[in-house]
Amino acid sequence: EVNTGSGIRVLGANNVIGGTLAADRNVIAGNSNDGVTFTGAGANGNQLLGNWIGIDAAATVEIANGAQGVYIGDGAFNNTVGGSAGGAGNVIGGAAFAGIEIRGAGTTGNRIEGNFIGTDAAGSLNFGNGNNGIYLVAGATGNTIGGTASGTGNLIAFNADRGIVLQDTATTGNAFLGNTIFSNASLGIDLAWNGITANDSGDGDSGANALQNF
């Protein structure tokens, strides 16, 4: 039997799912929708730590979730997926769509840190998600993917499309810091999901993340 919706759906605040110890770990896999969903403005201040999402308990085989591995949207804010501490990062693989989707106006202040997206903790096994590793869309602003402190960067590999994508002009002000992105089927980072955006003098154009020059 499988859950016909998400494995875990969070509407409230300040919940902790998982932990940094192996005994705290949840295996969240084989659900018809997302592995974990944080949705609505009531979903804030939550932590998702050390879980295996879309893989089996032995961390050797994909058991796909039917939509995203993790969905954060519809105004959910200030949630943390992973972290810099040992054992805090989640393994997120095998999703039918994106490993992590961050969607919608008011979806801000979320931090994605120290996770293994499309691969295992060693970066060697292929647990690629069905399209992008991380997908930001529909006005999600002010979110941080990775960081400058030790252990905050994400490992994003083997996904079937881009490593990180921003979809539209309203999706801006998001930071990508200190991540390791490799062996995805297409670009590591793609602003506007339309291939390489050429640099322009003075960087005066607009679009997803203001089409920041690379």
Protein backbone atom coordinates (compact mmCIF):
# COMPACT_ATOMS: atom_id res chain seq x y z
CA GLU A 1 0.00 0.00 0.00
CA VAL A 2 1.12 3.60 -0.68
CA ASN A 3 -0.07 6.95 0.58
CA THR A 4 -2.24 8.58 -2.06
CA GLY A 5 -1.02 12.06 -1.11
CA SER A 6 2.24 13.24 0.40
CA GLY A 7 4.18 11.14 2.85
CA ILE A 8 4.22 14.04 5.32
CA ARG A 9 2.20 17.25 4.93
CA VAL A 10 3.03 20.16 7.23
CA LEU A 11 0.62 23.06 7.71
CA GLY A 12 1.87 24.27 11.10
CA ALA A 13 4.95 25.82 12.67
CA ASN A 14 8.13 24.80 14.50
CA ASN A 15 7.99 21.08 13.86
CA VAL A 16 11.11 18.90 13.57
CA ILE A 17 11.01 15.95 11.17
CA GLY A 18 13.97 13.62 11.65
CA GLY A 19 17.23 14.53 13.36
CA THR A 20 20.99 14.23 13.13
CA LEU A 21 21.22 10.67 14.51
CA ALA A 22 20.55 7.53 12.48
CA ALA A 23 17.83 6.57 14.96
CA ASP A 24 16.03 9.84 14.19
CA ARG A 25 15.90 9.21 10.45
CA ASN A 26 12.65 8.74 8.55
CA VAL A 27 12.47 6.88 5.25
CA ILE A 28 9.88 8.79 3.19
CA ALA A 29 9.41 7.01 -0.11
CA GLY A 30 6.89 5.58 -2.55
CA ASN A 31 4.19 8.18 -1.95
CA SER A 32 1.82 9.15 -4.77
CA ASN A 33 2.50 12.86 -4.32
CA ASP A 34 5.40 14.67 -2.63
CA GLY A 35 7.63 13.02 -0.11
CA VAL A 36 7.27 16.02 2.24
CA THR A 37 5.04 19.06 1.71
CA PHE A 38 5.29 22.38 3.56
CA THR A 39 2.38 24.51 2.41
CA GLY A 40 0.76 27.80 3.37
CA ALA A 41 1.85 30.68 5.58
CA GLY A 42 1.18 28.59 8.68
CA ALA A 43 4.08 26.33 7.69
CA ASN A 44 7.01 28.24 9.08
CA GLY A 45 10.02 27.59 11.29
CA ASN A 46 10.01 23.86 10.58
CA GLN A 47 13.11 21.68 10.21
CA LEU A 48 13.58 18.62 7.99
CA LEU A 49 16.74 16.85 9.11
CA GLY A 50 18.63 13.70 8.18
CA ASN A 51 15.88 11.87 6.32
CA TRP A 52 16.08 9.56 3.32
CA ILE A 53 13.49 10.75 0.83
CA GLY A 54 12.77 8.64 -2.23
CA ILE A 55 15.21 5.84 -1.40
CA ASP A 56 15.04 2.66 0.64
CA ALA A 57 16.22 2.11 4.21
CA ALA A 58 19.52 0.64 3.01
CA ALA A 59 20.18 3.77 0.89
CA THR A 60 20.85 1.66 -2.19
CA VAL A 61 17.61 1.67 -4.23
CA GLU A 62 15.23 4.41 -5.35
CA ILE A 63 11.59 4.17 -4.24
CA ALA A 64 10.21 7.16 -6.08
CA ASN A 65 7.78 9.73 -4.75
CA GLY A 66 5.21 10.64 -7.38
CA ALA A 67 5.77 14.40 -7.49
CA GLN A 68 8.52 16.36 -5.69
CA GLY A 69 10.85 14.98 -3.08
CA VAL A 70 10.20 18.10 -0.96
CA TYR A 71 7.70 20.84 -1.78
CA ILE A 72 7.80 24.24 -0.04
CA GLY A 73 5.14 26.60 -1.29
CA ASP A 74 2.07 28.77 -1.13
CA GLY A 75 3.62 31.17 1.39
CA ALA A 76 5.54 28.72 3.57
CA PHE A 77 8.46 30.63 5.06
CA ASN A 78 11.59 30.32 7.20
CA ASN A 79 11.75 26.54 6.98
CA THR A 80 15.07 24.68 6.95
CA VAL A 81 15.77 21.57 4.91
CA GLY A 82 19.02 20.03 6.12
CA GLY A 83 21.69 21.93 8.00
CA SER A 84 25.41 22.22 8.58
CA ALA A 85 25.69 19.79 11.49
CA GLY A 86 26.83 16.24 10.84
CA GLY A 87 23.86 14.08 9.92
CA ALA A 88 21.52 17.03 9.29
CA GLY A 89 21.50 16.74 5.51
CA ASN A 90 18.70 14.84 3.80
CA VAL A 91 19.21 12.47 0.88
CA ILE A 92 16.55 13.45 -1.69
CA GLY A 93 16.35 11.28 -4.78
CA GLY A 94 14.14 9.48 -7.23
CA ALA A 95 11.31 12.02 -7.31
CA ALA A 96 9.19 12.01 -10.45
CA PHE A 97 9.72 15.76 -10.79
CA ALA A 98 12.09 18.02 -8.82
CA GLY A 99 14.09 17.00 -5.80
CA ILE A 100 12.98 20.23 -4.09
CA GLU A 101 10.42 22.71 -5.40
CA ILE A 102 10.06 26.18 -3.83
CA ARG A 103 6.97 27.89 -5.19
CA GLY A 104 4.87 31.01 -4.90
CA ALA A 105 4.69 34.56 -3.61
CA GLY A 106 5.47 34.79 0.09
CA THR A 107 7.53 31.61 0.00
CA THR A 108 10.62 33.24 1.43
CA GLY A 109 13.39 32.83 3.96
CA ASN A 110 13.64 29.09 3.43
CA ARG A 111 17.10 27.54 3.73
CA ILE A 112 18.29 24.44 1.87
CA GLU A 113 21.59 23.35 3.44
CA GLY A 114 23.89 20.37 3.43
CA ASN A 115 21.62 18.04 1.47
CA PHE A 116 22.38 15.35 -1.11
CA ILE A 117 19.99 15.94 -4.00
CA GLY A 118 20.02 13.26 -6.67
CA THR A 119 22.81 11.30 -5.04
CA ASP A 120 23.92 9.66 -1.80
CA ALA A 121 26.00 11.21 0.96
CA ALA A 122 29.21 10.13 -0.79
CA GLY A 123 28.15 11.67 -4.10
CA SER A 124 28.65 8.37 -5.89
CA LEU A 125 25.25 6.71 -6.36
CA ASN A 126 22.78 7.93 -8.96
CA PHE A 127 19.47 8.78 -7.25
CA GLY A 128 18.66 11.42 -9.87
CA ASN A 129 15.34 13.21 -9.67
CA GLY A 130 13.05 13.21 -12.69
CA ASN A 131 13.78 16.75 -13.81
CA ASN A 132 15.63 19.38 -11.77
CA GLY A 133 17.49 19.08 -8.52
CA ILE A 134 16.01 22.31 -7.12
CA TYR A 135 13.24 24.29 -8.84
CA LEU A 136 12.19 27.81 -7.80
CA VAL A 137 9.08 29.25 -9.44
CA ALA A 138 6.07 31.59 -9.34
CA GLY A 139 7.51 34.40 -7.25
CA ALA A 140 9.50 32.53 -4.62
CA THR A 141 11.94 35.17 -3.32
CA GLY A 142 14.64 35.53 -0.70
CA ASN A 143 15.45 31.85 -0.26
CA THR A 144 18.97 30.52 0.28
CA ILE A 145 20.39 27.40 -1.36
CA GLY A 146 23.63 26.49 0.40
CA GLY A 147 25.70 28.96 2.39
CA THR A 148 29.16 30.22 3.22
CA ALA A 149 29.65 28.34 6.51
CA SER A 150 31.21 24.90 6.57
CA GLY A 151 28.71 22.13 5.79
CA THR A 152 25.98 24.35 4.38
CA GLY A 153 26.60 23.65 0.69
CA ASN A 154 24.40 21.10 -1.03
CA LEU A 155 25.60 18.29 -3.29
CA ILE A 156 23.39 18.30 -6.41
CA ALA A 157 24.09 15.59 -8.97
CA PHE A 158 22.66 13.13 -11.50
CA ASN A 159 19.33 14.90 -11.95
CA ALA A 160 17.56 14.41 -15.29
CA ASP A 161 17.55 18.11 -16.22
CA ARG A 162 19.18 21.10 -14.49
CA GLY A 163 20.85 21.22 -11.12
CA ILE A 164 19.05 24.43 -10.08
CA VAL A 165 16.38 26.30 -12.08
CA LEU A 166 14.59 29.62 -11.57
CA GLN A 167 11.53 29.73 -13.80
CA ASP A 168 10.13 33.25 -14.10
CA THR A 169 10.72 36.98 -13.71
CA ALA A 170 8.94 37.17 -10.34
CA THR A 171 11.32 34.61 -8.83
CA THR A 172 14.23 36.73 -7.68
CA GLY A 173 16.52 37.57 -4.77
CA ASN A 174 17.44 33.94 -4.14
CA ALA A 175 21.02 33.09 -3.12
CA PHE A 176 23.05 30.09 -4.33
CA LEU A 177 26.17 29.73 -2.22
CA GLY A 178 28.84 27.07 -1.81
CA ASN A 179 27.05 24.23 -3.56
CA THR A 180 28.69 21.38 -5.47
CA ILE A 181 26.78 20.75 -8.71
CA PHE A 182 27.87 18.11 -11.21
CA SER A 183 26.75 15.33 -13.60
CA ASN A 184 23.27 16.71 -14.13
CA ALA A 185 21.86 16.20 -17.63
CA SER A 186 21.91 19.92 -18.41
CA LEU A 187 23.13 23.21 -16.90
CA GLY A 188 24.19 23.40 -13.27
CA ILE A 189 22.24 26.65 -12.75
CA ASP A 190 19.73 28.01 -15.26
CA LEU A 191 18.01 31.37 -14.92
CA ALA A 192 14.66 31.29 -16.78
CA TRP A 193 14.98 27.59 -17.78
CA ASN A 194 15.93 28.52 -21.34
CA GLY A 195 19.61 27.68 -21.56
CA ILE A 196 22.65 29.88 -21.12
CA THR A 197 21.77 33.56 -20.64
CA ALA A 198 24.56 35.70 -22.07
CA ASN A 199 26.20 38.28 -19.81
CA ASP A 200 25.33 41.90 -20.57
CA SER A 201 27.32 45.03 -19.87
CA GLY A 202 26.37 46.52 -16.50
CA ASP A 203 23.97 43.63 -15.85
CA GLY A 204 21.01 45.89 -16.44
CA ASP A 205 18.49 43.32 -17.65
CA SER A 206 15.66 41.75 -15.65
CA GLY A 207 14.19 38.31 -15.19
CA ALA A 208 14.65 35.32 -12.92
CA ASN A 209 17.12 36.42 -10.21
CA ALA A 210 17.46 39.58 -12.34
CA LEU A 211 19.35 37.44 -14.91
CA GLN A 212 22.47 38.07 -12.88
CA ASN A 213 25.67 37.85 -14.93
CA PHE A 214 27.58 34.68 -14.29
